[in-house]
Amino acid sequence: SDTWPGLSSFFQPGSEIILADSTDDVVAAVGLPDSEVDAIRRRARERVLDEHTSAQRARELDRLLSDSLPGLGQGLAAGEPLKEAI
């Protein structure tokens, strides 16, 4: 990937994602042994499944709503439709 602000909150550079800032970086990444690429791929997949699923995002949204609007968050957590929770 190219480098961009906040990327490290999704993946750990060098361990879960390969970053390239130059042509030389791309050439080096393409030349990595398959075993190393597979290890990086596995770690990235584990992180995605642990932290970046729709269920995880829904829990995060519910927590944010509960913190910001206690009644709204509780309604959503109870399974009420949004229009009824408001």
PDB file of N, CA and C in Angstrom:
ATOM      1  N   SER A   1       0.849  -1.180   0.000  1.00  0.00           N
ATOM      2  CA  SER A   1       0.000   0.000   0.000  1.00  0.00           C
ATOM      3  C   SER A   1       0.890   1.238   0.000  1.00  0.00           C
ATOM      4  N   ASP A   2       0.291   2.351  -0.392  1.00  0.00           N
ATOM      5  CA  ASP A   2       0.979   3.616  -0.176  1.00  0.00           C
ATOM      6  C   ASP A   2       0.753   4.010   1.280  1.00  0.00           C
ATOM      7  N   THR A   3       1.491   4.983   1.736  1.00  0.00           N
ATOM      8  CA  THR A   3       1.388   5.443   3.116  1.00  0.00           C
ATOM      9  C   THR A   3       0.374   6.573   3.204  1.00  0.00           C
ATOM     10  N   TRP A   4      -0.491   6.513   4.213  1.00  0.00           N
ATOM     11  CA  TRP A   4      -1.457   7.589   4.434  1.00  0.00           C
ATOM     12  C   TRP A   4      -1.752   7.702   5.923  1.00  0.00           C
ATOM     13  N   PRO A   5      -2.107   8.908   6.370  1.00  0.00           N
ATOM     14  CA  PRO A   5      -2.368   9.133   7.794  1.00  0.00           C
ATOM     15  C   PRO A   5      -3.470   8.204   8.307  1.00  0.00           C
ATOM     16  N   GLY A   6      -3.208   7.590   9.433  1.00  0.00           N
ATOM     17  CA  GLY A   6      -4.192   6.723  10.057  1.00  0.00           C
ATOM     18  C   GLY A   6      -4.087   5.259   9.666  1.00  0.00           C
ATOM     19  N   LEU A   7      -3.257   4.951   8.691  1.00  0.00           N
ATOM     20  CA  LEU A   7      -3.133   3.566   8.230  1.00  0.00           C
ATOM     21  C   LEU A   7      -2.759   2.630   9.371  1.00  0.00           C
ATOM     22  N   SER A   8      -1.893   3.087  10.249  1.00  0.00           N
ATOM     23  CA  SER A   8      -1.432   2.219  11.335  1.00  0.00           C
ATOM     24  C   SER A   8      -2.528   1.896  12.344  1.00  0.00           C
ATOM     25  N   SER A   9      -3.661   2.596  12.289  1.00  0.00           N
ATOM     26  CA  SER A   9      -4.773   2.224  13.163  1.00  0.00           C
ATOM     27  C   SER A   9      -5.527   1.020  12.606  1.00  0.00           C
ATOM     28  N   PHE A  10      -5.289   0.688  11.342  1.00  0.00           N
ATOM     29  CA  PHE A  10      -5.915  -0.475  10.723  1.00  0.00           C
ATOM     30  C   PHE A  10      -4.963  -1.662  10.652  1.00  0.00           C
ATOM     31  N   PHE A  11      -3.717  -1.398  10.273  1.00  0.00           N
ATOM     32  CA  PHE A  11      -2.727  -2.454  10.114  1.00  0.00           C
ATOM     33  C   PHE A  11      -1.375  -1.975  10.615  1.00  0.00           C
ATOM     34  N   GLN A  12      -0.593  -2.910  11.176  1.00  0.00           N
ATOM     35  CA  GLN A  12       0.755  -2.584  11.631  1.00  0.00           C
ATOM     36  C   GLN A  12       1.703  -2.687  10.438  1.00  0.00           C
ATOM     37  N   PRO A  13       2.268  -1.546  10.013  1.00  0.00           N
ATOM     38  CA  PRO A  13       3.184  -1.560   8.873  1.00  0.00           C
ATOM     39  C   PRO A  13       4.358  -2.518   9.100  1.00  0.00           C
ATOM     40  N   GLY A  14       4.674  -3.279   8.061  1.00  0.00           N
ATOM     41  CA  GLY A  14       5.777  -4.223   8.132  1.00  0.00           C
ATOM     42  C   GLY A  14       5.400  -5.578   8.691  1.00  0.00           C
ATOM     43  N   SER A  15       4.324  -5.630   9.462  1.00  0.00           N
ATOM     44  CA  SER A  15       3.885  -6.888  10.047  1.00  0.00           C
ATOM     45  C   SER A  15       2.574  -7.378   9.439  1.00  0.00           C
ATOM     46  N   GLU A  16       1.661  -6.424   9.178  1.00  0.00           N
ATOM     47  CA  GLU A  16       0.344  -6.773   8.646  1.00  0.00           C
ATOM     48  C   GLU A  16       0.077  -6.149   7.279  1.00  0.00           C
ATOM     49  N   ILE A  17       0.966  -5.286   6.857  1.00  0.00           N
ATOM     50  CA  ILE A  17       0.827  -4.636   5.550  1.00  0.00           C
ATOM     51  C   ILE A  17       2.209  -4.212   5.063  1.00  0.00           C
ATOM     52  N   ILE A  18       2.393  -4.257   3.769  1.00  0.00           N
ATOM     53  CA  ILE A  18       3.652  -3.825   3.159  1.00  0.00           C
ATOM     54  C   ILE A  18       3.423  -2.440   2.568  1.00  0.00           C
ATOM     55  N   LEU A  19       4.263  -1.491   2.947  1.00  0.00           N
ATOM     56  CA  LEU A  19       4.121  -0.122   2.457  1.00  0.00           C
ATOM     57  C   LEU A  19       5.185   0.179   1.412  1.00  0.00           C
ATOM     58  N   ALA A  20       4.803   0.982   0.450  1.00  0.00           N
ATOM     59  CA  ALA A  20       5.731   1.373  -0.611  1.00  0.00           C
ATOM     60  C   ALA A  20       5.614   2.870  -0.855  1.00  0.00           C
ATOM     61  N   ASP A  21       6.711   3.578  -0.620  1.00  0.00           N
ATOM     62  CA  ASP A  21       6.756   5.022  -0.872  1.00  0.00           C
ATOM     63  C   ASP A  21       7.507   5.350  -2.159  1.00  0.00           C
ATOM     64  N   SER A  22       8.140   4.349  -2.739  1.00  0.00           N
ATOM     65  CA  SER A  22       8.943   4.592  -3.939  1.00  0.00           C
ATOM     66  C   SER A  22       8.919   3.348  -4.830  1.00  0.00           C
ATOM     67  N   THR A  23       9.445   3.513  -6.024  1.00  0.00           N
ATOM     68  CA  THR A  23       9.561   2.380  -6.944  1.00  0.00           C
ATOM     69  C   THR A  23      10.441   1.297  -6.345  1.00  0.00           C
ATOM     70  N   ASP A  24      11.508   1.700  -5.679  1.00  0.00           N
ATOM     71  CA  ASP A  24      12.397   0.721  -5.045  1.00  0.00           C
ATOM     72  C   ASP A  24      11.654  -0.086  -3.981  1.00  0.00           C
ATOM     73  N   ASP A  25      10.770   0.576  -3.224  1.00  0.00           N
ATOM     74  CA  ASP A  25       9.969  -0.129  -2.219  1.00  0.00           C
ATOM     75  C   ASP A  25       9.059  -1.170  -2.873  1.00  0.00           C
ATOM     76  N   VAL A  26       8.466  -0.814  -4.003  1.00  0.00           N
ATOM     77  CA  VAL A  26       7.591  -1.746  -4.725  1.00  0.00           C
ATOM     78  C   VAL A  26       8.398  -2.941  -5.221  1.00  0.00           C
ATOM     79  N   VAL A  27       9.557  -2.675  -5.792  1.00  0.00           N
ATOM     80  CA  VAL A  27      10.415  -3.754  -6.287  1.00  0.00           C
ATOM     81  C   VAL A  27      10.805  -4.676  -5.131  1.00  0.00           C
ATOM     82  N   ALA A  28      11.145  -4.096  -3.988  1.00  0.00           N
ATOM     83  CA  ALA A  28      11.512  -4.905  -2.821  1.00  0.00           C
ATOM     84  C   ALA A  28      10.325  -5.745  -2.345  1.00  0.00           C
ATOM     85  N   ALA A  29       9.137  -5.166  -2.329  1.00  0.00           N
ATOM     86  CA  ALA A  29       7.944  -5.895  -1.889  1.00  0.00           C
ATOM     87  C   ALA A  29       7.621  -7.048  -2.827  1.00  0.00           C
ATOM     88  N   VAL A  30       7.729  -6.803  -4.119  1.00  0.00           N
ATOM     89  CA  VAL A  30       7.453  -7.851  -5.107  1.00  0.00           C
ATOM     90  C   VAL A  30       8.461  -8.988  -4.976  1.00  0.00           C
ATOM     91  N   GLY A  31       9.654  -8.664  -4.531  1.00  0.00           N
ATOM     92  CA  GLY A  31      10.697  -9.670  -4.402  1.00  0.00           C
ATOM     93  C   GLY A  31      10.701 -10.431  -3.086  1.00  0.00           C
ATOM     94  N   LEU A  32       9.769 -10.134  -2.191  1.00  0.00           N
ATOM     95  CA  LEU A  32       9.726 -10.844  -0.916  1.00  0.00           C
ATOM     96  C   LEU A  32       9.413 -12.322  -1.140  1.00  0.00           C
ATOM     97  N   PRO A  33       9.985 -13.178  -0.312  1.00  0.00           N
ATOM     98  CA  PRO A  33       9.680 -14.609  -0.421  1.00  0.00           C
ATOM     99  C   PRO A  33       8.190 -14.872  -0.152  1.00  0.00           C
ATOM    100  N   ASP A  34       7.649 -15.868  -0.830  1.00  0.00           N
ATOM    101  CA  ASP A  34       6.237 -16.209  -0.648  1.00  0.00           C
ATOM    102  C   ASP A  34       5.898 -16.474   0.813  1.00  0.00           C
ATOM    103  N   SER A  35       6.801 -17.101   1.539  1.00  0.00           N
ATOM    104  CA  SER A  35       6.534 -17.414   2.945  1.00  0.00           C
ATOM    105  C   SER A  35       6.337 -16.146   3.770  1.00  0.00           C
ATOM    106  N   GLU A  36       7.120 -15.105   3.486  1.00  0.00           N
ATOM    107  CA  GLU A  36       6.978 -13.847   4.212  1.00  0.00           C
ATOM    108  C   GLU A  36       5.685 -13.138   3.830  1.00  0.00           C
ATOM    109  N   VAL A  37       5.352 -13.136   2.554  1.00  0.00           N
ATOM    110  CA  VAL A  37       4.099 -12.524   2.095  1.00  0.00           C
ATOM    111  C   VAL A  37       2.908 -13.251   2.714  1.00  0.00           C
ATOM    112  N   ASP A  38       2.964 -14.581   2.761  1.00  0.00           N
ATOM    113  CA  ASP A  38       1.879 -15.360   3.365  1.00  0.00           C
ATOM    114  C   ASP A  38       1.726 -15.043   4.846  1.00  0.00           C
ATOM    115  N   ALA A  39       2.839 -14.877   5.555  1.00  0.00           N
ATOM    116  CA  ALA A  39       2.778 -14.547   6.981  1.00  0.00           C
ATOM    117  C   ALA A  39       2.138 -13.176   7.184  1.00  0.00           C
ATOM    118  N   ILE A  40       2.507 -12.206   6.369  1.00  0.00           N
ATOM    119  CA  ILE A  40       1.914 -10.865   6.452  1.00  0.00           C
ATOM    120  C   ILE A  40       0.424 -10.942   6.134  1.00  0.00           C
ATOM    121  N   ARG A  41       0.077 -11.699   5.110  1.00  0.00           N
ATOM    122  CA  ARG A  41      -1.327 -11.859   4.728  1.00  0.00           C
ATOM    123  C   ARG A  41      -2.138 -12.477   5.866  1.00  0.00           C
ATOM    124  N   ARG A  42      -1.603 -13.512   6.513  1.00  0.00           N
ATOM    125  CA  ARG A  42      -2.309 -14.169   7.620  1.00  0.00           C
ATOM    126  C   ARG A  42      -2.519 -13.216   8.789  1.00  0.00           C
ATOM    127  N   ARG A  43      -1.479 -12.452   9.134  1.00  0.00           N
ATOM    128  CA  ARG A  43      -1.614 -11.505  10.248  1.00  0.00           C
ATOM    129  C   ARG A  43      -2.638 -10.420   9.917  1.00  0.00           C
ATOM    130  N   ALA A  44      -2.627  -9.942   8.689  1.00  0.00           N
ATOM    131  CA  ALA A  44      -3.601  -8.923   8.276  1.00  0.00           C
ATOM    132  C   ALA A  44      -5.017  -9.484   8.336  1.00  0.00           C
ATOM    133  N   ARG A  45      -5.200 -10.693   7.866  1.00  0.00           N
ATOM    134  CA  ARG A  45      -6.528 -11.316   7.881  1.00  0.00           C
ATOM    135  C   ARG A  45      -7.027 -11.492   9.313  1.00  0.00           C
ATOM    136  N   GLU A  46      -6.152 -11.952  10.200  1.00  0.00           N
ATOM    137  CA  GLU A  46      -6.528 -12.111  11.608  1.00  0.00           C
ATOM    138  C   GLU A  46      -6.976 -10.782  12.201  1.00  0.00           C
ATOM    139  N   ARG A  47      -6.249  -9.726  11.895  1.00  0.00           N
ATOM    140  CA  ARG A  47      -6.611  -8.411  12.426  1.00  0.00           C
ATOM    141  C   ARG A  47      -7.954  -7.953  11.882  1.00  0.00           C
ATOM    142  N   VAL A  48      -8.183  -8.148  10.594  1.00  0.00           N
ATOM    143  CA  VAL A  48      -9.463  -7.762   9.993  1.00  0.00           C
ATOM    144  C   VAL A  48     -10.599  -8.522  10.658  1.00  0.00           C
ATOM    145  N   LEU A  49     -10.438  -9.816  10.827  1.00  0.00           N
ATOM    146  CA  LEU A  49     -11.501 -10.619  11.427  1.00  0.00           C
ATOM    147  C   LEU A  49     -11.715 -10.281  12.898  1.00  0.00           C
ATOM    148  N   ASP A  50     -10.669  -9.854  13.594  1.00  0.00           N
ATOM    149  CA  ASP A  50     -10.788  -9.477  15.003  1.00  0.00           C
ATOM    150  C   ASP A  50     -11.357  -8.077  15.207  1.00  0.00           C
ATOM    151  N   GLU A  51     -11.002  -7.144  14.325  1.00  0.00           N
ATOM    152  CA  GLU A  51     -11.288  -5.738  14.607  1.00  0.00           C
ATOM    153  C   GLU A  51     -12.097  -4.995  13.560  1.00  0.00           C
ATOM    154  N   HIS A  52     -12.221  -5.522  12.372  1.00  0.00           N
ATOM    155  CA  HIS A  52     -12.806  -4.719  11.300  1.00  0.00           C
ATOM    156  C   HIS A  52     -13.999  -5.387  10.622  1.00  0.00           C
ATOM    157  N   THR A  53     -14.763  -6.152  11.386  1.00  0.00           N
ATOM    158  CA  THR A  53     -15.957  -6.777  10.819  1.00  0.00           C
ATOM    159  C   THR A  53     -17.157  -5.851  10.989  1.00  0.00           C
ATOM    160  N   SER A  54     -18.218  -6.132  10.286  1.00  0.00           N
ATOM    161  CA  SER A  54     -19.431  -5.320  10.435  1.00  0.00           C
ATOM    162  C   SER A  54     -19.983  -5.446  11.851  1.00  0.00           C
ATOM    163  N   ALA A  55     -19.874  -6.616  12.465  1.00  0.00           N
ATOM    164  CA  ALA A  55     -20.350  -6.781  13.843  1.00  0.00           C
ATOM    165  C   ALA A  55     -19.544  -5.906  14.798  1.00  0.00           C
ATOM    166  N   GLN A  56     -18.227  -5.856  14.612  1.00  0.00           N
ATOM    167  CA  GLN A  56     -17.384  -5.000  15.453  1.00  0.00           C
ATOM    168  C   GLN A  56     -17.740  -3.537  15.246  1.00  0.00           C
ATOM    169  N   ARG A  57     -17.955  -3.133  14.016  1.00  0.00           N
ATOM    170  CA  ARG A  57     -18.321  -1.745  13.720  1.00  0.00           C
ATOM    171  C   ARG A  57     -19.681  -1.412  14.336  1.00  0.00           C
ATOM    172  N   ALA A  58     -20.622  -2.348  14.294  1.00  0.00           N
ATOM    173  CA  ALA A  58     -21.939  -2.115  14.895  1.00  0.00           C
ATOM    174  C   ALA A  58     -21.813  -1.946  16.405  1.00  0.00           C
ATOM    175  N   ARG A  59     -20.978  -2.764  17.053  1.00  0.00           N
ATOM    176  CA  ARG A  59     -20.757  -2.608  18.499  1.00  0.00           C
ATOM    177  C   ARG A  59     -20.133  -1.254  18.800  1.00  0.00           C
ATOM    178  N   GLU A  60     -19.189  -0.834  17.964  1.00  0.00           N
ATOM    179  CA  GLU A  60     -18.543   0.464  18.160  1.00  0.00           C
ATOM    180  C   GLU A  60     -19.550   1.598  17.987  1.00  0.00           C
ATOM    181  N   LEU A  61     -20.398   1.509  16.979  1.00  0.00           N
ATOM    182  CA  LEU A  61     -21.432   2.516  16.760  1.00  0.00           C
ATOM    183  C   LEU A  61     -22.398   2.552  17.940  1.00  0.00           C
ATOM    184  N   ASP A  62     -22.822   1.394  18.422  1.00  0.00           N
ATOM    185  CA  ASP A  62     -23.732   1.335  19.563  1.00  0.00           C
ATOM    186  C   ASP A  62     -23.096   1.984  20.794  1.00  0.00           C
ATOM    187  N   ARG A  63     -21.804   1.702  21.016  1.00  0.00           N
ATOM    188  CA  ARG A  63     -21.105   2.304  22.155  1.00  0.00           C
ATOM    189  C   ARG A  63     -21.043   3.819  22.017  1.00  0.00           C
ATOM    190  N   LEU A  64     -20.718   4.299  20.818  1.00  0.00           N
ATOM    191  CA  LEU A  64     -20.651   5.746  20.598  1.00  0.00           C
ATOM    192  C   LEU A  64     -22.014   6.398  20.795  1.00  0.00           C
ATOM    193  N   LEU A  65     -23.063   5.770  20.296  1.00  0.00           N
ATOM    194  CA  LEU A  65     -24.410   6.309  20.481  1.00  0.00           C
ATOM    195  C   LEU A  65     -24.812   6.287  21.948  1.00  0.00           C
ATOM    196  N   SER A  66     -24.481   5.213  22.637  1.00  0.00           N
ATOM    197  CA  SER A  66     -24.805   5.116  24.061  1.00  0.00           C
ATOM    198  C   SER A  66     -24.096   6.201  24.860  1.00  0.00           C
ATOM    199  N   ASP A  67     -22.846   6.475  24.500  1.00  0.00           N
ATOM    200  CA  ASP A  67     -22.087   7.511  25.197  1.00  0.00           C
ATOM    201  C   ASP A  67     -22.625   8.903  24.895  1.00  0.00           C
ATOM    202  N   SER A  68     -23.051   9.130  23.658  1.00  0.00           N
ATOM    203  CA  SER A  68     -23.497  10.459  23.237  1.00  0.00           C
ATOM    204  C   SER A  68     -24.962  10.718  23.543  1.00  0.00           C
ATOM    205  N   LEU A  69     -25.785   9.724  23.320  1.00  0.00           N
ATOM    206  CA  LEU A  69     -27.236   9.844  23.492  1.00  0.00           C
ATOM    207  C   LEU A  69     -27.723   8.604  24.234  1.00  0.00           C
ATOM    208  N   PRO A  70     -27.627   8.597  25.553  1.00  0.00           N
ATOM    209  CA  PRO A  70     -27.905   7.372  26.303  1.00  0.00           C
ATOM    210  C   PRO A  70     -29.225   6.680  25.943  1.00  0.00           C
ATOM    211  N   GLY A  71     -30.295   7.403  25.786  1.00  0.00           N
ATOM    212  CA  GLY A  71     -31.572   6.776  25.459  1.00  0.00           C
ATOM    213  C   GLY A  71     -31.560   6.132  24.094  1.00  0.00           C
ATOM    214  N   LEU A  72     -30.931   6.771  23.139  1.00  0.00           N
ATOM    215  CA  LEU A  72     -30.871   6.241  21.780  1.00  0.00           C
ATOM    216  C   LEU A  72     -30.041   4.968  21.737  1.00  0.00           C
ATOM    217  N   GLY A  73     -28.893   4.997  22.355  1.00  0.00           N
ATOM    218  CA  GLY A  73     -28.038   3.819  22.346  1.00  0.00           C
ATOM    219  C   GLY A  73     -28.689   2.631  23.022  1.00  0.00           C
ATOM    220  N   GLN A  74     -29.397   2.866  24.131  1.00  0.00           N
ATOM    221  CA  GLN A  74     -30.073   1.772  24.821  1.00  0.00           C
ATOM    222  C   GLN A  74     -31.179   1.196  23.958  1.00  0.00           C
ATOM    223  N   GLY A  75     -31.885   2.053  23.247  1.00  0.00           N
ATOM    224  CA  GLY A  75     -32.951   1.565  22.375  1.00  0.00           C
ATOM    225  C   GLY A  75     -32.409   0.696  21.273  1.00  0.00           C
ATOM    226  N   LEU A  76     -31.311   1.102  20.679  1.00  0.00           N
ATOM    227  CA  LEU A  76     -30.725   0.307  19.607  1.00  0.00           C
ATOM    228  C   LEU A  76     -30.180  -1.006  20.148  1.00  0.00           C
ATOM    229  N   ALA A  77     -29.582  -0.954  21.322  1.00  0.00           N
ATOM    230  CA  ALA A  77     -29.045  -2.174  21.911  1.00  0.00           C
ATOM    231  C   ALA A  77     -30.163  -3.160  22.224  1.00  0.00           C
ATOM    232  N   ALA A  78     -31.343  -2.636  22.534  1.00  0.00           N
ATOM    233  CA  ALA A  78     -32.484  -3.499  22.848  1.00  0.00           C
ATOM    234  C   ALA A  78     -33.146  -4.035  21.588  1.00  0.00           C
ATOM    235  N   GLY A  79     -32.682  -3.608  20.435  1.00  0.00           N
ATOM    236  CA  GLY A  79     -33.228  -4.095  19.182  1.00  0.00           C
ATOM    237  C   GLY A  79     -34.376  -3.279  18.637  1.00  0.00           C
ATOM    238  N   GLU A  80     -34.627  -2.110  19.224  1.00  0.00           N
ATOM    239  CA  GLU A  80     -35.703  -1.259  18.722  1.00  0.00           C
ATOM    240  C   GLU A  80     -35.292  -0.621  17.407  1.00  0.00           C
ATOM    241  N   PRO A  81     -36.242  -0.438  16.495  1.00  0.00           N
ATOM    242  CA  PRO A  81     -35.927   0.309  15.272  1.00  0.00           C
ATOM    243  C   PRO A  81     -35.513   1.729  15.624  1.00  0.00           C
ATOM    244  N   LEU A  82     -34.693   2.330  14.791  1.00  0.00           N
ATOM    245  CA  LEU A  82     -34.163   3.664  15.047  1.00  0.00           C
ATOM    246  C   LEU A  82     -35.261   4.674  15.293  1.00  0.00           C
ATOM    247  N   LYS A  83     -36.321   4.699  14.484  1.00  0.00           N
ATOM    248  CA  LYS A  83     -37.357   5.714  14.643  1.00  0.00           C
ATOM    249  C   LYS A  83     -38.065   5.589  15.986  1.00  0.00           C
ATOM    250  N   GLU A  84     -38.159   4.377  16.549  1.00  0.00           N
ATOM    251  CA  GLU A  84     -38.792   4.208  17.850  1.00  0.00           C
ATOM    252  C   GLU A  84     -37.843   4.572  18.985  1.00  0.00           C
ATOM    253  N   ALA A  85     -36.563   4.392  18.778  1.00  0.00           N
ATOM    254  CA  ALA A  85     -35.589   4.703  19.818  1.00  0.00           C
ATOM    255  C   ALA A  85     -35.474   6.198  20.030  1.00  0.00           C
ATOM    256  N   ILE A  86     -35.724   6.988  18.992  1.00  0.00           N
ATOM    257  CA  ILE A  86     -35.615   8.433  19.090  1.00  0.00           C
ATOM    258  C   ILE A  86     -36.836   8.935  19.774  1.00  0.00           C
TER     259      ILE A  86
END
